[in-house]
């Protein structure tokens, strides 16, 4: 039987996750995330529209 040794890793976070302001993400990261989501949804809708127009669906 082998003994397991736990190793702890510390990472530095540029902002406090449990901040009293209630902000979980930096504002720029959140805007970037929503921009990516919007582009993905618009792209997927465009693919569906093209498939519909050419009779694929």
PDB file of N, CA and C in Angstrom:
ATOM      1  N   UNK A   1       0.842  -1.173   0.000  1.00  0.00           N
ATOM      2  CA  UNK A   1       0.000   0.000   0.000  1.00  0.00           C
ATOM      3  C   UNK A   1       0.894   1.246   0.000  1.00  0.00           C
ATOM      4  N   UNK A   2       0.531   2.207  -0.809  1.00  0.00           N
ATOM      5  CA  UNK A   2       1.352   3.414  -0.891  1.00  0.00           C
ATOM      6  C   UNK A   2       0.662   4.562  -0.176  1.00  0.00           C
ATOM      7  N   UNK A   3       1.447   5.409   0.395  1.00  0.00           N
ATOM      8  CA  UNK A   3       0.914   6.592   1.077  1.00  0.00           C
ATOM      9  C   UNK A   3       0.889   7.751   0.090  1.00  0.00           C
ATOM     10  N   UNK A   4      -0.182   8.487   0.111  1.00  0.00           N
ATOM     11  CA  UNK A   4      -0.311   9.639  -0.774  1.00  0.00           C
ATOM     12  C   UNK A   4       0.065  10.900  -0.020  1.00  0.00           C
ATOM     13  N   UNK A   5       0.853  11.717  -0.654  1.00  0.00           N
ATOM     14  CA  UNK A   5       1.261  12.982  -0.057  1.00  0.00           C
ATOM     15  C   UNK A   5       0.569  14.101  -0.815  1.00  0.00           C
ATOM     16  N   UNK A   6      -0.113  14.930  -0.100  1.00  0.00           N
ATOM     17  CA  UNK A   6      -0.821  16.023  -0.771  1.00  0.00           C
ATOM     18  C   UNK A   6       0.122  17.197  -0.941  1.00  0.00           C
ATOM     19  N   UNK A   7       0.051  17.767  -2.112  1.00  0.00           N
ATOM     20  CA  UNK A   7       0.859  18.940  -2.416  1.00  0.00           C
ATOM     21  C   UNK A   7      -0.079  20.114  -2.632  1.00  0.00           C
ATOM     22  N   UNK A   8       0.214  21.181  -1.972  1.00  0.00           N
ATOM     23  CA  UNK A   8      -0.631  22.364  -2.156  1.00  0.00           C
ATOM     24  C   UNK A   8       0.045  23.312  -3.124  1.00  0.00           C
ATOM     25  N   UNK A   9      -0.763  23.875  -3.981  1.00  0.00           N
ATOM     26  CA  UNK A   9      -0.270  24.851  -4.950  1.00  0.00           C
ATOM     27  C   UNK A   9      -0.946  26.168  -4.675  1.00  0.00           C
ATOM     28  N   UNK A  10      -0.170  27.203  -4.674  1.00  0.00           N
ATOM     29  CA  UNK A  10      -0.750  28.525  -4.465  1.00  0.00           C
ATOM     30  C   UNK A  10      -0.717  29.291  -5.776  1.00  0.00           C
ATOM     31  N   UNK A  11      -1.808  29.940  -6.064  1.00  0.00           N
ATOM     32  CA  UNK A  11      -1.876  30.766  -7.266  1.00  0.00           C
ATOM     33  C   UNK A  11      -2.266  32.170  -6.853  1.00  0.00           C
ATOM     34  N   UNK A  12      -1.788  33.122  -7.586  1.00  0.00           N
ATOM     35  CA  UNK A  12      -2.161  34.505  -7.300  1.00  0.00           C
ATOM     36  C   UNK A  12      -3.309  34.907  -8.209  1.00  0.00           C
ATOM     37  N   UNK A  13      -4.271  35.559  -7.625  1.00  0.00           N
ATOM     38  CA  UNK A  13      -5.440  36.015  -8.359  1.00  0.00           C
ATOM     39  C   UNK A  13      -5.382  37.535  -8.398  1.00  0.00           C
ATOM     40  N   UNK A  14      -5.562  38.146  -9.587  1.00  0.00           N
ATOM     41  CA  UNK A  14      -5.447  39.596  -9.677  1.00  0.00           C
ATOM     42  C   UNK A  14      -6.559  40.355  -8.961  1.00  0.00           C
ATOM     43  N   UNK A  15      -7.614  39.678  -8.582  1.00  0.00           N
ATOM     44  CA  UNK A  15      -8.704  40.329  -7.867  1.00  0.00           C
ATOM     45  C   UNK A  15      -9.252  39.347  -6.847  1.00  0.00           C
ATOM     46  N   UNK A  16      -9.878  39.855  -5.839  1.00  0.00           N
ATOM     47  CA  UNK A  16     -10.419  39.034  -4.769  1.00  0.00           C
ATOM     48  C   UNK A  16     -11.780  38.493  -5.199  1.00  0.00           C
ATOM     49  N   UNK A  17     -11.903  37.176  -5.267  1.00  0.00           N
ATOM     50  CA  UNK A  17     -13.154  36.566  -5.714  1.00  0.00           C
ATOM     51  C   UNK A  17     -14.278  36.860  -4.727  1.00  0.00           C
ATOM     52  N   UNK A  18     -13.970  36.858  -3.465  1.00  0.00           N
ATOM     53  CA  UNK A  18     -14.988  37.115  -2.460  1.00  0.00           C
ATOM     54  C   UNK A  18     -15.080  38.576  -2.085  1.00  0.00           C
ATOM     55  N   UNK A  19     -14.874  39.445  -3.014  1.00  0.00           N
ATOM     56  CA  UNK A  19     -14.891  40.882  -2.726  1.00  0.00           C
ATOM     57  C   UNK A  19     -16.281  41.320  -2.290  1.00  0.00           C
ATOM     58  N   UNK A  20     -16.313  42.340  -1.482  1.00  0.00           N
ATOM     59  CA  UNK A  20     -17.592  42.820  -0.964  1.00  0.00           C
ATOM     60  C   UNK A  20     -18.430  43.491  -2.045  1.00  0.00           C
ATOM     61  N   UNK A  21     -17.816  43.828  -3.175  1.00  0.00           N
ATOM     62  CA  UNK A  21     -18.570  44.483  -4.242  1.00  0.00           C
ATOM     63  C   UNK A  21     -19.495  43.512  -4.971  1.00  0.00           C
ATOM     64  N   UNK A  22     -19.277  42.208  -4.816  1.00  0.00           N
ATOM     65  CA  UNK A  22     -20.129  41.221  -5.458  1.00  0.00           C
ATOM     66  C   UNK A  22     -19.758  40.946  -6.901  1.00  0.00           C
ATOM     67  N   UNK A  23     -18.683  41.505  -7.396  1.00  0.00           N
ATOM     68  CA  UNK A  23     -18.261  41.303  -8.779  1.00  0.00           C
ATOM     69  C   UNK A  23     -17.451  40.016  -8.848  1.00  0.00           C
ATOM     70  N   UNK A  24     -17.897  39.072  -9.654  1.00  0.00           N
ATOM     71  CA  UNK A  24     -17.205  37.795  -9.755  1.00  0.00           C
ATOM     72  C   UNK A  24     -16.147  37.799 -10.854  1.00  0.00           C
ATOM     73  N   UNK A  25     -16.326  38.616 -11.876  1.00  0.00           N
ATOM     74  CA  UNK A  25     -15.397  38.690 -12.994  1.00  0.00           C
ATOM     75  C   UNK A  25     -14.979  40.131 -13.203  1.00  0.00           C
ATOM     76  N   UNK A  26     -13.814  40.302 -13.767  1.00  0.00           N
ATOM     77  CA  UNK A  26     -13.451  41.657 -14.144  1.00  0.00           C
ATOM     78  C   UNK A  26     -14.391  42.116 -15.248  1.00  0.00           C
ATOM     79  N   UNK A  27     -14.649  43.389 -15.282  1.00  0.00           N
ATOM     80  CA  UNK A  27     -15.623  43.908 -16.241  1.00  0.00           C
ATOM     81  C   UNK A  27     -15.201  43.657 -17.687  1.00  0.00           C
ATOM     82  N   UNK A  28     -13.914  43.801 -17.979  1.00  0.00           N
ATOM     83  CA  UNK A  28     -13.457  43.585 -19.351  1.00  0.00           C
ATOM     84  C   UNK A  28     -13.584  42.122 -19.740  1.00  0.00           C
ATOM     85  N   UNK A  29     -13.319  41.211 -18.817  1.00  0.00           N
ATOM     86  CA  UNK A  29     -13.447  39.785 -19.120  1.00  0.00           C
ATOM     87  C   UNK A  29     -14.906  39.421 -19.343  1.00  0.00           C
ATOM     88  N   UNK A  30     -15.803  40.024 -18.557  1.00  0.00           N
ATOM     89  CA  UNK A  30     -17.224  39.732 -18.708  1.00  0.00           C
ATOM     90  C   UNK A  30     -17.742  40.244 -20.047  1.00  0.00           C
ATOM     91  N   UNK A  31     -17.313  41.434 -20.447  1.00  0.00           N
ATOM     92  CA  UNK A  31     -17.723  41.972 -21.744  1.00  0.00           C
ATOM     93  C   UNK A  31     -17.204  41.096 -22.868  1.00  0.00           C
ATOM     94  N   UNK A  32     -15.978  40.627 -22.747  1.00  0.00           N
ATOM     95  CA  UNK A  32     -15.390  39.767 -23.758  1.00  0.00           C
ATOM     96  C   UNK A  32     -16.158  38.459 -23.859  1.00  0.00           C
ATOM     97  N   UNK A  33     -16.561  37.936 -22.716  1.00  0.00           N
ATOM     98  CA  UNK A  33     -17.305  36.680 -22.688  1.00  0.00           C
ATOM     99  C   UNK A  33     -18.651  36.840 -23.399  1.00  0.00           C
ATOM    100  N   UNK A  34     -19.357  37.933 -23.122  1.00  0.00           N
ATOM    101  CA  UNK A  34     -20.638  38.155 -23.776  1.00  0.00           C
ATOM    102  C   UNK A  34     -20.469  38.414 -25.264  1.00  0.00           C
ATOM    103  N   UNK A  35     -19.385  39.060 -25.650  1.00  0.00           N
ATOM    104  CA  UNK A  35     -19.138  39.294 -27.073  1.00  0.00           C
ATOM    105  C   UNK A  35     -18.922  37.971 -27.790  1.00  0.00           C
ATOM    106  N   UNK A  36     -18.180  37.069 -27.173  1.00  0.00           N
ATOM    107  CA  UNK A  36     -17.949  35.753 -27.762  1.00  0.00           C
ATOM    108  C   UNK A  36     -19.255  34.971 -27.866  1.00  0.00           C
ATOM    109  N   UNK A  37     -20.069  35.022 -26.826  1.00  0.00           N
ATOM    110  CA  UNK A  37     -21.350  34.315 -26.828  1.00  0.00           C
ATOM    111  C   UNK A  37     -22.263  34.845 -27.925  1.00  0.00           C
ATOM    112  N   UNK A  38     -22.323  36.163 -28.073  1.00  0.00           N
ATOM    113  CA  UNK A  38     -23.173  36.764 -29.095  1.00  0.00           C
ATOM    114  C   UNK A  38     -22.710  36.363 -30.495  1.00  0.00           C
ATOM    115  N   UNK A  39     -21.404  36.382 -30.719  1.00  0.00           N
ATOM    116  CA  UNK A  39     -20.885  35.968 -32.035  1.00  0.00           C
ATOM    117  C   UNK A  39     -21.198  34.512 -32.314  1.00  0.00           C
ATOM    118  N   UNK A  40     -21.080  33.659 -31.315  1.00  0.00           N
ATOM    119  CA  UNK A  40     -21.360  32.235 -31.502  1.00  0.00           C
ATOM    120  C   UNK A  40     -22.838  32.010 -31.838  1.00  0.00           C
ATOM    121  N   UNK A  41     -23.723  32.698 -31.140  1.00  0.00           N
ATOM    122  CA  UNK A  41     -25.166  32.546 -31.389  1.00  0.00           C
ATOM    123  C   UNK A  41     -25.523  33.064 -32.781  1.00  0.00           C
ATOM    124  N   UNK A  42     -24.982  34.225 -33.147  1.00  0.00           N
ATOM    125  CA  UNK A  42     -25.264  34.790 -34.475  1.00  0.00           C
ATOM    126  C   UNK A  42     -24.708  33.885 -35.572  1.00  0.00           C
ATOM    127  N   UNK A  43     -23.516  33.343 -35.365  1.00  0.00           N
ATOM    128  CA  UNK A  43     -22.931  32.426 -36.351  1.00  0.00           C
ATOM    129  C   UNK A  43     -23.745  31.162 -36.520  1.00  0.00           C
ATOM    130  N   UNK A  44     -24.194  30.598 -35.396  1.00  0.00           N
ATOM    131  CA  UNK A  44     -25.004  29.377 -35.463  1.00  0.00           C
ATOM    132  C   UNK A  44     -26.342  29.651 -36.152  1.00  0.00           C
ATOM    133  N   UNK A  45     -26.948  30.797 -35.853  1.00  0.00           N
ATOM    134  CA  UNK A  45     -28.210  31.165 -36.507  1.00  0.00           C
ATOM    135  C   UNK A  45     -27.998  31.350 -38.009  1.00  0.00           C
ATOM    136  N   UNK A  46     -26.862  31.931 -38.380  1.00  0.00           N
ATOM    137  CA  UNK A  46     -26.563  32.103 -39.802  1.00  0.00           C
ATOM    138  C   UNK A  46     -26.421  30.783 -40.529  1.00  0.00           C
ATOM    139  N   UNK A  47     -25.782  29.818 -39.876  1.00  0.00           N
ATOM    140  CA  UNK A  47     -25.640  28.487 -40.476  1.00  0.00           C
ATOM    141  C   UNK A  47     -27.001  27.834 -40.652  1.00  0.00           C
ATOM    142  N   UNK A  48     -27.870  27.980 -39.656  1.00  0.00           N
ATOM    143  CA  UNK A  48     -29.224  27.413 -39.769  1.00  0.00           C
ATOM    144  C   UNK A  48     -30.014  28.082 -40.890  1.00  0.00           C
ATOM    145  N   UNK A  49     -29.872  29.399 -41.033  1.00  0.00           N
ATOM    146  CA  UNK A  49     -30.576  30.122 -42.102  1.00  0.00           C
ATOM    147  C   UNK A  49     -30.085  29.655 -43.474  1.00  0.00           C
ATOM    148  N   UNK A  50     -28.776  29.520 -43.620  1.00  0.00           N
ATOM    149  CA  UNK A  50     -28.242  29.035 -44.900  1.00  0.00           C
ATOM    150  C   UNK A  50     -28.711  27.624 -45.211  1.00  0.00           C
ATOM    151  N   UNK A  51     -28.719  26.767 -44.203  1.00  0.00           N
ATOM    152  CA  UNK A  51     -29.183  25.388 -44.409  1.00  0.00           C
ATOM    153  C   UNK A  51     -30.664  25.387 -44.790  1.00  0.00           C
ATOM    154  N   UNK A  52     -31.460  26.263 -44.183  1.00  0.00           N
ATOM    155  CA  UNK A  52     -32.875  26.351 -44.503  1.00  0.00           C
ATOM    156  C   UNK A  52     -33.065  26.843 -45.944  1.00  0.00           C
ATOM    157  N   UNK A  53     -32.296  27.874 -46.321  1.00  0.00           N
ATOM    158  CA  UNK A  53     -32.453  28.443 -47.661  1.00  0.00           C
ATOM    159  C   UNK A  53     -32.074  27.445 -48.751  1.00  0.00           C
ATOM    160  N   UNK A  54     -31.073  26.634 -48.502  1.00  0.00           N
ATOM    161  CA  UNK A  54     -30.655  25.674 -49.494  1.00  0.00           C
ATOM    162  C   UNK A  54     -31.306  24.317 -49.335  1.00  0.00           C
ATOM    163  N   UNK A  55     -32.325  24.229 -48.468  1.00  0.00           N
ATOM    164  CA  UNK A  55     -33.121  23.009 -48.356  1.00  0.00           C
ATOM    165  C   UNK A  55     -32.490  21.890 -47.558  1.00  0.00           C
ATOM    166  N   UNK A  56     -31.511  22.198 -46.717  1.00  0.00           N
ATOM    167  CA  UNK A  56     -30.851  21.171 -45.918  1.00  0.00           C
ATOM    168  C   UNK A  56     -31.642  20.746 -44.701  1.00  0.00           C
ATOM    169  N   UNK A  57     -32.543  21.622 -44.255  1.00  0.00           N
ATOM    170  CA  UNK A  57     -33.316  21.286 -43.045  1.00  0.00           C
ATOM    171  C   UNK A  57     -34.748  21.058 -43.446  1.00  0.00           C
TER     172      UNK A  57
END
